[in-house]
C-alpha atoms as a PDB file:
ATOM      1  CA  MET A   1      59.089   4.376  10.526  1.00  0.00           C
ATOM      2  CA  LYS A   2      59.115   2.111  12.989  1.00  0.00           C
ATOM      3  CA  TRP A   3      59.979   4.123  15.543  1.00  0.00           C
ATOM      4  CA  LEU A   4      56.909   6.244  15.107  1.00  0.00           C
ATOM      5  CA  TYR A   5      54.537   3.344  14.716  1.00  0.00           C
ATOM      6  CA  ARG A   6      55.784   2.726  18.417  1.00  0.00           C
ATOM      7  CA  ILE A   7      55.436   5.956  19.487  1.00  0.00           C
ATOM      8  CA  GLU A   8      51.436   6.392  18.515  1.00  0.00           C
ATOM      9  CA  GLU A   9      50.703   3.066  19.788  1.00  0.00           C
ATOM     10  CA  ILE A  10      52.491   4.240  23.052  1.00  0.00           C
ATOM     11  CA  ILE A  11      50.443   7.278  23.199  1.00  0.00           C
ATOM     12  CA  CYS A  12      47.244   5.656  22.981  1.00  0.00           C
ATOM     13  CA  VAL A  13      47.396   2.685  25.350  1.00  0.00           C
ATOM     14  CA  PHE A  14      49.011   5.687  27.798  1.00  0.00           C
ATOM     15  CA  LEU A  15      46.127   7.926  27.829  1.00  0.00           C
ATOM     16  CA  ILE A  16      43.674   4.744  27.900  1.00  0.00           C
ATOM     17  CA  LEU A  17      44.916   3.718  30.772  1.00  0.00           C
ATOM     18  CA  CYS A  18      45.501   7.056  32.602  1.00  0.00           C
ATOM     19  CA  ALA A  19      41.742   7.892  31.103  1.00  0.00           C
ATOM     20  CA  THR A  20      40.728   4.466  32.834  1.00  0.00           C
ATOM     21  CA  GLY A  21      42.502   5.035  35.899  1.00  0.00           C
ATOM     22  CA  VAL A  22      41.155   8.532  36.508  1.00  0.00           C
ATOM     23  CA  LEU A  23      37.622   7.377  35.853  1.00  0.00           C
ATOM     24  CA  PHE A  24      38.090   4.427  38.445  1.00  0.00           C
ATOM     25  CA  ILE A  25      39.281   6.433  40.770  1.00  0.00           C
ATOM     26  CA  ASN A  26      37.083   9.139  40.600  1.00  0.00           C
ATOM     27  CA  VAL A  27      34.145   6.550  40.886  1.00  0.00           C
ATOM     28  CA  ILE A  28      35.028   4.975  44.229  1.00  0.00           C
ATOM     29  CA  PHE A  29      35.717   8.650  45.431  1.00  0.00           C
ATOM     30  CA  ARG A  30      32.222   9.483  44.546  1.00  0.00           C
ATOM     31  CA  ASN A  31      30.786   6.526  46.721  1.00  0.00           C
ATOM     32  CA  PHE A  32      32.425   8.156  49.557  1.00  0.00           C
ATOM     33  CA  GLY A  33      31.221  11.446  48.665  1.00  0.00           C
ATOM     34  CA  LEU A  34      34.412  12.749  47.144  1.00  0.00           C
ATOM     35  CA  GLY A  35      35.272  13.701  43.608  1.00  0.00           C
ATOM     36  CA  ILE A  36      37.873  14.504  41.460  1.00  0.00           C
ATOM     37  CA  GLU A  37      37.068  17.882  39.685  1.00  0.00           C
ATOM     38  CA  TRP A  38      39.010  17.433  36.844  1.00  0.00           C
ATOM     39  CA  SER A  39      38.374  13.931  36.058  1.00  0.00           C
ATOM     40  CA  GLN A  40      35.323  14.520  33.226  1.00  0.00           C
ATOM     41  CA  GLU A  41      37.528  17.156  31.407  1.00  0.00           C
ATOM     42  CA  PHE A  42      40.674  15.091  31.580  1.00  0.00           C
ATOM     43  CA  ILE A  43      39.121  12.272  30.289  1.00  0.00           C
ATOM     44  CA  ARG A  44      37.157  13.976  27.582  1.00  0.00           C
ATOM     45  CA  TYR A  45      40.549  15.390  26.087  1.00  0.00           C
ATOM     46  CA  SER A  46      42.312  12.136  26.340  1.00  0.00           C
ATOM     47  CA  PHE A  47      39.936  10.763  24.321  1.00  0.00           C
ATOM     48  CA  ILE A  48      39.962  13.363  21.646  1.00  0.00           C
ATOM     49  CA  TRP A  49      43.509  12.454  21.602  1.00  0.00           C
ATOM     50  CA  ILE A  50      43.128   8.851  21.227  1.00  0.00           C
ATOM     51  CA  THR A  51      40.862   9.461  18.461  1.00  0.00           C
ATOM     52  CA  PHE A  52      43.143  11.269  16.288  1.00  0.00           C
ATOM     53  CA  ILE A  53      45.976   9.192  17.320  1.00  0.00           C
ATOM     54  CA  GLY A  54      44.051   6.273  16.413  1.00  0.00           C
ATOM     55  CA  GLY A  55      42.642   7.224  13.551  1.00  0.00           C
ATOM     56  CA  ALA A  56      46.493   7.522  11.879  1.00  0.00           C
ATOM     57  CA  ILE A  57      47.088   3.576  13.637  1.00  0.00           C
ATOM     58  CA  CYS A  58      43.607   2.378  11.645  1.00  0.00           C
ATOM     59  CA  VAL A  59      44.825   4.221   8.413  1.00  0.00           C
ATOM     60  CA  ARG A  60      48.239   1.949   9.319  1.00  0.00           C
ATOM     61  CA  TYR A  61      46.194  -1.431   9.317  1.00  0.00           C
ATOM     62  CA  GLY A  62      43.902  -0.665   6.920  1.00  0.00           C
ATOM     63  CA  GLY A  63      41.087  -0.386   9.484  1.00  0.00           C
ATOM     64  CA  HIS A  64      39.065   2.356   8.217  1.00  0.00           C
ATOM     65  CA  VAL A  65      35.856   2.220   6.119  1.00  0.00           C
ATOM     66  CA  SER A  66      36.056   0.624   3.110  1.00  0.00           C
ATOM     67  CA  ILE A  67      33.777  -0.935   0.332  1.00  0.00           C
ATOM     68  CA  ASP A  68      34.969  -4.946  -0.553  1.00  0.00           C
ATOM     69  CA  VAL A  69      32.168  -5.813  -2.803  1.00  0.00           C
ATOM     70  CA  ILE A  70      33.778  -4.211  -5.839  1.00  0.00           C
ATOM     71  CA  ASP A  71      36.731  -5.933  -5.129  1.00  0.00           C
ATOM     72  CA  SER A  72      35.162  -8.828  -6.531  1.00  0.00           C
ATOM     73  CA  PHE A  73      33.719  -7.470  -9.714  1.00  0.00           C
ATOM     74  CA  ILE A  74      37.087  -5.969 -11.232  1.00  0.00           C
ATOM     75  CA  LYS A  75      40.480  -7.024 -12.207  1.00  0.00           C
ATOM     76  CA  GLU A  76      43.805  -6.542 -10.196  1.00  0.00           C
ATOM     77  CA  LYS A  77      44.751  -3.525 -12.804  1.00  0.00           C
ATOM     78  CA  SER A  78      41.594  -1.843 -11.841  1.00  0.00           C
ATOM     79  CA  ARG A  79      41.694  -2.422  -8.515  1.00  0.00           C
ATOM     80  CA  LYS A  80      44.861  -0.871  -8.199  1.00  0.00           C
ATOM     81  CA  VAL A  81      44.196   2.021 -10.027  1.00  0.00           C
ATOM     82  CA  ILE A  82      40.940   2.494  -7.841  1.00  0.00           C
ATOM     83  CA  LEU A  83      42.787   2.387  -4.850  1.00  0.00           C
ATOM     84  CA  PHE A  84      45.494   4.635  -6.479  1.00  0.00           C
ATOM     85  CA  ILE A  85      42.772   7.202  -6.706  1.00  0.00           C
ATOM     86  CA  ALA A  86      40.581   6.800  -3.441  1.00  0.00           C
ATOM     87  CA  THR A  87      43.766   7.484  -1.693  1.00  0.00           C
ATOM     88  CA  THR A  88      44.714  10.011  -3.540  1.00  0.00           C
ATOM     89  CA  PHE A  89      41.500  11.553  -2.475  1.00  0.00           C
ATOM     90  CA  SER A  90      41.950  10.713   0.709  1.00  0.00           C
ATOM     91  CA  LEU A  91      45.338  12.593   0.607  1.00  0.00           C
ATOM     92  CA  VAL A  92      43.697  15.798  -0.293  1.00  0.00           C
ATOM     93  CA  PHE A  93      40.945  15.596   1.894  1.00  0.00           C
ATOM     94  CA  LEU A  94      43.375  14.810   4.823  1.00  0.00           C
ATOM     95  CA  ILE A  95      45.561  17.654   3.985  1.00  0.00           C
ATOM     96  CA  TRP A  96      42.672  20.207   3.816  1.00  0.00           C
ATOM     97  CA  VAL A  97      41.483  18.760   7.200  1.00  0.00           C
ATOM     98  CA  PHE A  98      44.869  19.443   8.550  1.00  0.00           C
ATOM     99  CA  LEU A  99      45.079  23.041   7.180  1.00  0.00           C
ATOM    100  CA  ILE A 100      41.933  23.828   8.844  1.00  0.00           C
ATOM    101  CA  GLY A 101      43.564  21.969  12.577  1.00  0.00           C
ATOM    102  CA  VAL A 102      46.230  24.419  12.008  1.00  0.00           C
ATOM    103  CA  LYS A 103      44.186  27.485  11.997  1.00  0.00           C
ATOM    104  CA  ALA A 104      41.828  26.459  14.699  1.00  0.00           C
ATOM    105  CA  VAL A 105      45.291  25.959  17.061  1.00  0.00           C
ATOM    106  CA  TYR A 106      47.080  29.383  16.055  1.00  0.00           C
ATOM    107  CA  PHE A 107      43.573  30.762  16.954  1.00  0.00           C
ATOM    108  CA  ASN A 108      43.216  29.307  19.867  1.00  0.00           C
ATOM    109  CA  TYR A 109      47.106  29.622  20.749  1.00  0.00           C
ATOM    110  CA  SER A 110      46.717  33.388  20.143  1.00  0.00           C
ATOM    111  CA  ASN A 111      43.489  33.336  21.835  1.00  0.00           C
ATOM    112  CA  GLY A 112      45.168  32.342  25.372  1.00  0.00           C
ATOM    113  CA  GLN A 113      41.903  30.297  26.179  1.00  0.00           C
ATOM    114  CA  THR A 114      42.295  27.629  29.140  1.00  0.00           C
ATOM    115  CA  THR A 115      40.725  24.688  29.913  1.00  0.00           C
ATOM    116  CA  PRO A 116      37.975  25.198  32.515  1.00  0.00           C
ATOM    117  CA  THR A 117      39.042  22.870  35.621  1.00  0.00           C
ATOM    118  CA  LEU A 118      42.757  21.742  34.180  1.00  0.00           C
ATOM    119  CA  SER A 119      43.686  25.308  33.406  1.00  0.00           C
ATOM    120  CA  ILE A 120      46.081  24.006  30.296  1.00  0.00           C
ATOM    121  CA  PRO A 121      45.983  25.978  27.409  1.00  0.00           C
ATOM    122  CA  ILE A 122      42.973  24.841  25.004  1.00  0.00           C
ATOM    123  CA  TYR A 123      45.192  25.133  22.173  1.00  0.00           C
ATOM    124  CA  LEU A 124      46.864  21.788  23.511  1.00  0.00           C
ATOM    125  CA  VAL A 125      43.597  19.728  22.914  1.00  0.00           C
ATOM    126  CA  TYR A 126      42.899  21.203  19.598  1.00  0.00           C
ATOM    127  CA  LEU A 127      46.802  20.259  18.622  1.00  0.00           C
ATOM    128  CA  ALA A 128      44.861  16.491  18.391  1.00  0.00           C
ATOM    129  CA  ILE A 129      43.490  17.396  15.403  1.00  0.00           C
ATOM    130  CA  PRO A 130      46.593  18.401  13.111  1.00  0.00           C
ATOM    131  CA  LEU A 131      49.115  15.758  14.659  1.00  0.00           C
ATOM    132  CA  GLY A 132      46.349  13.086  13.946  1.00  0.00           C
ATOM    133  CA  PHE A 133      45.623  14.361  10.541  1.00  0.00           C
ATOM    134  CA  LEU A 134      49.315  14.930   9.566  1.00  0.00           C
ATOM    135  CA  LEU A 135      50.236  10.995  11.111  1.00  0.00           C
ATOM    136  CA  MET A 136      47.269   9.908   8.759  1.00  0.00           C
ATOM    137  CA  ILE A 137      48.568  11.550   5.321  1.00  0.00           C
ATOM    138  CA  VAL A 138      51.707  10.127   6.232  1.00  0.00           C
ATOM    139  CA  HIS A 139      50.339   6.713   6.716  1.00  0.00           C
ATOM    140  CA  TYR A 140      48.596   7.551   3.061  1.00  0.00           C
ATOM    141  CA  ILE A 141      52.013   8.665   1.509  1.00  0.00           C
ATOM    142  CA  GLU A 142      53.360   5.358   2.860  1.00  0.00           C
ATOM    143  CA  ILE A 143      50.366   3.926   1.594  1.00  0.00           C
ATOM    144  CA  LEU A 144      50.661   5.366  -1.918  1.00  0.00           C
ATOM    145  CA  ILE A 145      54.600   4.882  -2.475  1.00  0.00           C
ATOM    146  CA  LYS A 146      54.027   0.929  -2.130  1.00  0.00           C
ATOM    147  CA  LEU A 147      51.346   0.935  -5.030  1.00  0.00           C
ATOM    148  CA  ILE A 148      54.039   2.766  -7.135  1.00  0.00           C
ATOM    149  CA  LYS A 149      56.603   0.582  -6.172  1.00  0.00           C
ATOM    150  CA  LYS A 150      54.623  -2.439  -6.825  1.00  0.00           C
ATOM    151  CA  GLU A 151      53.660  -1.523 -10.096  1.00  0.00           C
ATOM    152  CA  ARG A 152      57.216  -0.524 -10.957  1.00  0.00           C
ATOM    153  CA  SER A 153      58.495  -3.690  -9.997  1.00  0.00           C
ATOM    154  CA  LYS A 154      55.463  -5.414 -12.201  1.00  0.00           C
ATOM    155  CA  GLU A 155      56.626  -3.733 -15.206  1.00  0.00           C
END
């Protein structure tokens, strides 16, 4: 799975660097009365991809919002049960949104629409949704497997 982690990080770093570079160059060009027509669209779509791939990275590192106050009031066994239930509910939600994302990609693919200035198929932009959620699903499954393995090793 380390190869997957590496690919996620490379994609995010690459897109952040590209978006920052295009933004910087566009600001300089605008000072001379020029501008890159496609810069805003490219940056917008880059940040969409960064958001969804970055969401998967956050799942891997446990960086999403959680309530830690409850942990101090419950026992270890109960904490693991609650974590298992919360992870399972999260997984169900992610699968649901993944399926909606697949439908959106299919709709836009069959529609044939392209972006205004870059002229790339719009389904490539929407592809960030199911791909990002699929990566989150993979990471949540990893979390569930680790939880189950820890419980079995203590028995």
